[in-house]
Amino acid sequence: MFTGIVQGMAEIVSIDKRDKFQTHTLKLPGALSQGLDIGASVAHNGCCLTVTKISGELVDFDLMQATLSLTNLGELEPGSRVNIERAAKFGDEIGGHSMSGHISLVGEVTEVIDTPNNRTIWFEVPAEKIKYVLAKGYIGLDGCSLTIGEVEGNRFSVHLIPETLQRTLFGERQVGDKINVEFDPQTQAIVDTVERVLAQKAMI
């Protein structure tokens, strides 16, 4: 389980590409690697991956074909950076919202609006999935727990403060970038339940 509070960014040092399989080696400095064990879960851009090897600050993670094709991790190259969050522990402060690390889909940045003290980013998702995006609700974007601003058609916005821009990749995101999206599971469950109940009533 993760909370959506990104702890920092880490650079991909190398990628070992094999048939429908990759191993990413990341440099996790300082607290990002402190106390880390093989088998631990670490979120990369919101996607839960398992530690397979540790050599000082260099840490390996294996990615299967499904992960490579269904997330933005398959587009990365050595030198790319990812948002990092270590798995939550019992007793940790929950500053964001509960996230599983299982990506729902990949969205796209369609507009970036910069102002002196914050940045607004608009994202596009498939029209049939926008029902899970509710204004003022929660959403996970590249592992960040964020509050949804406005919703228009199949687009939605988030407003980002300087701390978020400095700590995460959103400070450098541009139009056309692909973003991992994890819908809030409670919102998704409520929407699906209401749709199912209404469909059953319509059949009576």
Protein backbone atom coordinates (compact mmCIF):
# COMPACT_ATOMS: atom_id res chain seq x y z
CA MET A 1 0.00 0.00 0.00
CA PHE A 2 1.11 3.55 -0.74
CA THR A 3 -0.11 6.98 0.34
CA GLY A 4 0.62 8.99 -2.80
CA ILE A 5 3.17 11.20 -1.02
CA VAL A 6 6.17 11.03 -3.34
CA GLN A 7 9.42 11.03 -1.37
CA GLY A 8 11.64 12.15 -4.21
CA MET A 9 12.87 11.38 -7.70
CA ALA A 10 15.40 8.74 -8.71
CA GLU A 11 17.46 8.33 -11.86
CA ILE A 12 17.49 5.17 -13.95
CA VAL A 13 21.19 4.29 -14.25
CA SER A 14 20.80 1.39 -16.67
CA ILE A 15 18.16 -0.78 -18.35
CA ASP A 16 18.77 -4.44 -19.23
CA LYS A 17 16.30 -5.19 -22.04
CA ARG A 18 15.35 -8.77 -22.80
CA ASP A 19 12.45 -10.39 -24.64
CA LYS A 20 9.28 -8.88 -23.12
CA PHE A 21 11.20 -8.21 -19.90
CA GLN A 22 13.42 -5.47 -18.49
CA THR A 23 15.50 -4.86 -15.42
CA HIS A 24 15.79 -1.23 -14.35
CA THR A 25 18.69 -0.21 -12.11
CA LEU A 26 17.97 2.95 -10.14
CA LYS A 27 20.15 5.08 -7.91
CA LEU A 28 18.23 5.56 -4.66
CA PRO A 29 20.24 8.01 -2.56
CA GLY A 30 19.95 8.62 1.17
CA ALA A 31 16.63 7.85 2.82
CA LEU A 32 15.19 6.36 -0.37
CA SER A 33 17.37 3.25 0.07
CA GLN A 34 17.82 3.27 3.86
CA GLY A 35 16.66 -0.02 5.36
CA LEU A 36 15.55 -1.32 1.96
CA ASP A 37 15.47 -5.12 1.59
CA ILE A 38 15.16 -7.47 -1.37
CA GLY A 39 11.48 -8.21 -1.91
CA ALA A 40 10.35 -4.78 -0.72
CA SER A 41 7.79 -2.81 -2.72
CA VAL A 42 8.67 0.59 -4.18
CA ALA A 43 6.37 2.70 -6.36
CA HIS A 44 7.88 4.05 -9.61
CA ASN A 45 5.60 6.73 -11.07
CA GLY A 46 2.90 5.11 -8.97
CA CYS A 47 3.55 1.57 -10.23
CA CYS A 48 4.39 -0.97 -7.53
CA LEU A 49 7.66 -2.81 -8.28
CA THR A 50 9.67 -5.33 -6.27
CA VAL A 51 13.32 -4.93 -5.27
CA THR A 52 15.37 -7.77 -6.79
CA LYS A 53 18.95 -6.68 -6.06
CA ILE A 54 20.70 -4.10 -3.90
CA SER A 55 24.26 -2.84 -4.32
CA GLY A 56 24.70 0.22 -2.13
CA GLU A 57 22.52 2.95 -3.61
CA LEU A 58 21.98 0.98 -6.83
CA VAL A 59 18.76 -1.02 -6.72
CA ASP A 60 17.31 -3.38 -9.36
CA PHE A 61 13.65 -3.85 -10.27
CA ASP A 62 12.22 -6.33 -12.80
CA LEU A 63 9.42 -5.24 -15.15
CA MET A 64 7.26 -7.74 -17.04
CA GLN A 65 5.61 -7.09 -20.41
CA ALA A 66 2.26 -6.09 -18.88
CA THR A 67 3.96 -3.39 -16.81
CA LEU A 68 5.93 -2.14 -19.80
CA SER A 69 2.89 -1.90 -22.07
CA LEU A 70 0.27 -0.65 -19.59
CA THR A 71 2.32 2.10 -17.87
CA ASN A 72 4.71 4.86 -18.90
CA LEU A 73 7.67 2.88 -17.53
CA GLY A 74 8.14 1.16 -20.90
CA GLU A 75 9.05 4.53 -22.48
CA LEU A 76 11.93 5.26 -20.10
CA GLU A 77 15.62 5.22 -20.96
CA PRO A 78 18.83 5.46 -18.90
CA GLY A 79 18.99 8.97 -17.50
CA SER A 80 15.21 9.21 -17.11
CA ARG A 81 13.88 9.95 -13.64
CA VAL A 82 10.87 8.53 -11.86
CA ASN A 83 8.79 9.55 -8.85
CA ILE A 84 9.61 7.28 -5.90
CA GLU A 85 7.57 6.26 -2.85
CA ARG A 86 8.52 3.51 -0.42
CA ALA A 87 5.68 1.29 0.77
CA ALA A 88 3.69 2.62 3.71
CA LYS A 89 4.19 1.11 7.18
CA PHE A 90 1.65 0.74 9.94
CA GLY A 91 1.75 3.89 12.04
CA ASP A 92 2.92 6.12 9.19
CA GLU A 93 1.14 9.42 8.69
CA ILE A 94 -1.28 9.17 5.75
CA GLY A 95 -0.88 12.53 4.06
CA GLY A 96 -2.46 11.56 0.74
CA HIS A 97 -4.95 8.77 0.10
CA SER A 98 -4.69 4.99 0.01
CA MET A 99 -3.16 3.79 -3.27
CA SER A 100 -2.47 0.23 -4.43
CA GLY A 101 0.31 0.87 -6.92
CA HIS A 102 -1.77 -0.79 -9.65
CA ILE A 103 -2.08 1.58 -12.61
CA SER A 104 -5.58 2.03 -14.09
CA LEU A 105 -4.47 3.52 -17.41
CA VAL A 106 -2.07 5.98 -19.02
CA GLY A 107 -3.34 9.53 -19.57
CA GLU A 108 -1.81 12.39 -21.53
CA VAL A 109 -0.89 15.96 -20.63
CA THR A 110 -2.89 18.27 -22.91
CA GLU A 111 -2.21 21.70 -21.41
CA VAL A 112 0.22 23.29 -18.94
CA ILE A 113 -0.56 26.70 -17.41
CA ASP A 114 2.20 28.33 -15.37
CA THR A 115 1.59 31.21 -12.96
CA PRO A 116 4.05 32.84 -10.51
CA ASN A 117 3.18 30.55 -7.57
CA ASN A 118 1.72 27.38 -9.02
CA ARG A 119 1.13 25.29 -12.12
CA THR A 120 -2.11 23.91 -13.52
CA ILE A 121 -1.91 20.80 -15.68
CA TRP A 122 -4.75 19.36 -17.78
CA PHE A 123 -4.88 15.66 -18.53
CA GLU A 124 -6.93 13.60 -20.98
CA VAL A 125 -8.22 10.08 -20.36
CA PRO A 126 -10.51 7.82 -22.45
CA ALA A 127 -14.09 9.13 -22.49
CA GLU A 128 -15.48 5.95 -20.92
CA LYS A 129 -13.20 6.38 -17.88
CA ILE A 130 -13.84 10.04 -17.05
CA LYS A 131 -16.77 8.91 -14.87
CA TYR A 132 -14.19 7.98 -12.21
CA VAL A 133 -12.82 11.54 -12.15
CA LEU A 134 -14.84 13.80 -9.85
CA ALA A 135 -14.10 17.46 -9.15
CA LYS A 136 -12.51 17.85 -5.70
CA GLY A 137 -12.01 14.11 -5.48
CA TYR A 138 -8.70 12.23 -5.27
CA ILE A 139 -6.62 10.75 -8.06
CA GLY A 140 -3.16 9.20 -8.33
CA LEU A 141 -0.96 10.69 -11.09
CA ASP A 142 2.54 9.25 -11.53
CA GLY A 143 2.29 8.16 -7.92
CA CYS A 144 1.20 11.55 -6.54
CA SER A 145 -2.01 11.81 -4.54
CA LEU A 146 -3.66 14.91 -5.97
CA THR A 147 -6.98 16.71 -5.68
CA ILE A 148 -8.89 17.07 -8.94
CA GLY A 149 -9.61 20.66 -9.93
CA GLU A 150 -12.01 20.96 -12.87
CA VAL A 151 -13.51 18.32 -15.16
CA GLU A 152 -14.45 19.17 -18.75
CA GLY A 153 -15.45 16.47 -21.21
CA ASN A 154 -12.81 13.77 -20.94
CA ARG A 155 -10.23 16.19 -19.50
CA PHE A 156 -9.45 17.20 -15.93
CA SER A 157 -7.02 19.53 -14.22
CA VAL A 158 -4.91 19.58 -11.07
CA HIS A 159 -3.32 22.60 -9.38
CA LEU A 160 0.24 22.10 -8.16
CA ILE A 161 2.08 24.06 -5.49
CA PRO A 162 5.86 24.78 -5.63
CA GLU A 163 6.66 21.95 -3.15
CA THR A 164 5.04 19.37 -5.44
CA LEU A 165 6.77 20.81 -8.49
CA GLN A 166 10.16 20.60 -6.77
CA ARG A 167 9.74 17.12 -5.30
CA THR A 168 8.16 15.38 -8.32
CA LEU A 169 8.36 15.15 -12.10
CA PHE A 170 5.43 17.54 -12.48
CA GLY A 171 7.83 20.46 -12.41
CA GLU A 172 9.10 19.39 -15.84
CA ARG A 173 6.07 17.73 -17.43
CA GLN A 174 5.04 19.08 -20.83
CA VAL A 175 2.17 18.70 -23.30
CA GLY A 176 2.17 15.21 -24.82
CA ASP A 177 3.78 13.48 -21.83
CA LYS A 178 2.21 10.19 -20.78
CA ILE A 179 1.14 9.93 -17.14
CA ASN A 180 0.28 6.87 -15.05
CA VAL A 181 -3.23 7.20 -13.62
CA GLU A 182 -4.65 5.31 -10.64
CA PHE A 183 -8.28 6.10 -9.93
CA ASP A 184 -9.39 6.42 -6.32
CA PRO A 185 -10.71 2.90 -5.53
CA GLN A 186 -13.56 4.22 -3.36
CA THR A 187 -14.77 6.53 -6.12
CA GLN A 188 -14.51 3.70 -8.64
CA ALA A 189 -16.45 1.31 -6.40
CA ILE A 190 -19.25 3.85 -5.77
CA VAL A 191 -19.62 4.73 -9.47
CA ASP A 192 -19.67 1.06 -10.53
CA THR A 193 -22.21 0.17 -7.81
CA VAL A 194 -24.55 3.02 -8.75
CA GLU A 195 -24.35 2.07 -12.44
CA ARG A 196 -25.11 -1.57 -11.63
CA VAL A 197 -28.10 -0.69 -9.43
CA LEU A 198 -29.54 1.69 -12.02
CA ALA A 199 -29.11 -0.93 -14.75
CA GLN A 200 -30.93 -3.53 -12.63
CA LYS A 201 -33.81 -1.12 -11.95
CA ALA A 202 -34.10 -0.36 -15.65
CA MET A 203 -34.65 -4.04 -16.35
CA ILE A 204 -37.55 -4.36 -13.90
